[in-house]
Protein backbone atom coordinates (compact mmCIF):
# COMPACT_ATOMS: atom_id res chain seq x y z
CA MET A 1 3.08 -29.69 -30.46
CA SER A 2 5.46 -27.25 -31.12
CA GLU A 3 8.61 -28.09 -33.69
CA MET A 4 11.03 -28.27 -30.90
CA SER A 5 8.78 -30.38 -28.52
CA GLU A 6 8.52 -32.71 -31.72
CA MET A 7 12.32 -32.94 -32.06
CA ILE A 8 12.89 -33.36 -28.23
CA ARG A 9 10.12 -36.21 -28.30
CA LYS A 10 11.90 -37.76 -31.31
CA MET A 11 15.06 -37.78 -29.36
CA GLY A 12 13.37 -39.48 -26.65
CA LEU A 13 14.19 -36.59 -24.23
CA PHE A 14 10.54 -36.01 -22.54
CA SER A 15 11.07 -39.11 -20.38
CA VAL A 16 14.67 -37.95 -18.80
CA GLY A 17 14.41 -34.31 -19.59
CA VAL A 18 16.69 -31.98 -21.40
CA ILE A 19 19.22 -31.64 -18.37
CA SER A 20 20.46 -34.93 -19.46
CA LEU A 21 21.54 -34.04 -22.92
CA THR A 22 24.90 -32.52 -23.94
CA GLN A 23 25.85 -30.23 -26.51
CA GLU A 24 27.13 -32.99 -28.46
CA LYS A 25 24.59 -35.06 -28.52
CA ALA A 26 22.04 -32.43 -29.54
CA GLU A 27 24.36 -31.34 -32.56
CA GLU A 28 24.88 -35.21 -33.45
CA PHE A 29 20.81 -35.61 -33.86
CA THR A 30 20.61 -32.44 -35.53
CA GLN A 31 23.15 -33.41 -38.06
CA GLU A 32 21.37 -36.72 -38.47
CA MET A 33 17.91 -34.91 -38.85
CA ILE A 34 19.74 -32.64 -41.61
CA LYS A 35 21.13 -35.90 -43.51
CA LYS A 36 17.59 -37.06 -43.64
CA GLY A 37 16.20 -33.92 -44.84
CA GLU A 38 13.73 -33.49 -41.78
CA MET A 39 15.30 -29.89 -40.92
CA SER A 40 17.56 -27.46 -42.67
CA ARG A 41 21.01 -26.24 -41.60
CA GLU A 42 19.15 -23.10 -39.96
CA GLU A 43 16.36 -25.11 -38.38
CA GLY A 44 19.36 -27.07 -36.94
CA LYS A 45 21.29 -24.52 -35.51
CA LYS A 46 18.10 -23.00 -34.01
CA PHE A 47 17.07 -26.30 -32.63
CA VAL A 48 20.35 -26.67 -30.81
CA ARG A 49 20.34 -23.03 -29.30
CA GLU A 50 16.68 -23.81 -28.36
CA VAL A 51 17.79 -26.94 -26.55
CA LEU A 52 20.83 -25.72 -24.77
CA SER A 53 18.62 -22.81 -23.73
CA GLU A 54 15.77 -25.02 -22.36
CA LYS A 55 18.63 -27.04 -20.66
CA GLU A 56 19.87 -23.98 -18.86
CA LYS A 57 16.52 -23.02 -17.79
CA GLN A 58 16.05 -26.50 -16.40
CA VAL A 59 19.09 -26.55 -14.65
CA LYS A 60 18.28 -23.25 -13.03
CA ASP A 61 14.87 -24.24 -11.65
CA LEU A 62 16.50 -27.62 -10.63
CA GLU A 63 18.91 -25.50 -8.53
CA ASP A 64 16.12 -23.31 -7.29
CA LYS A 65 14.15 -26.15 -6.12
CA ILE A 66 16.97 -27.63 -4.46
CA ASN A 67 17.86 -24.55 -2.71
CA GLU A 68 14.45 -23.97 -1.47
CA ARG A 69 14.19 -27.37 -0.12
CA VAL A 70 17.61 -27.03 1.95
CA GLU A 71 16.54 -23.88 3.35
CA ASN A 72 13.18 -25.53 4.44
CA VAL A 73 14.84 -28.44 5.80
CA MET A 74 17.32 -26.07 7.84
CA LYS A 75 14.55 -23.96 8.96
CA LYS A 76 12.54 -27.00 10.15
CA SER A 77 15.74 -28.63 11.84
CA GLY A 78 16.34 -25.41 13.75
CA VAL A 79 19.69 -24.57 12.15
CA VAL A 80 20.74 -21.21 12.43
CA MET A 81 21.75 -19.68 9.21
CA LYS A 82 24.67 -17.06 8.56
CA SER A 83 22.18 -14.62 7.74
CA ASP A 84 20.38 -14.84 11.08
CA ILE A 85 23.68 -14.47 13.02
CA SER A 86 24.58 -11.26 11.01
CA ALA A 87 20.95 -9.61 12.04
CA LEU A 88 21.48 -10.76 15.62
CA GLU A 89 25.06 -9.37 15.64
CA LYS A 90 23.78 -5.96 14.23
CA LYS A 91 20.89 -5.90 16.91
CA ILE A 92 23.30 -6.67 19.57
CA GLU A 93 25.85 -3.49 18.18
CA LYS A 94 22.80 -1.25 18.22
CA LEU A 95 21.85 -2.38 21.91
CA GLU A 96 25.34 -1.96 22.93
CA LYS A 97 25.48 1.82 21.66
CA THR A 98 21.94 2.46 23.32
CA ILE A 99 23.41 1.12 26.49
CA GLN A 100 26.43 3.24 26.21
CA SER A 101 24.82 6.26 25.51
CA LEU A 102 22.24 5.88 28.16
CA SER A 103 25.09 5.10 30.74
CA LYS A 104 26.90 8.62 29.69
CA LYS A 105 23.73 10.44 30.66
């Protein structure tokens, strides 16, 4: 298990995920670990950066999953997306120009 994984395990975050962790809580935990001599200040700074980076990654992954699910639900429900309407508008404009050019001949 990596050092970061071990620290996260000690914080009890595997069960709830890093997303629920605030920077303040990570720094509090780090200060406690430094006081106990379980990590140096430099390791503490690195740990906080890694935890916040992991949190950012997990939030992005969660947002991507939510967006994907919403898109799938909308497709299944037959809801028309704005991008679909835009594509249709462009096709209509093209057809109108074609009709106009044909009627001039």
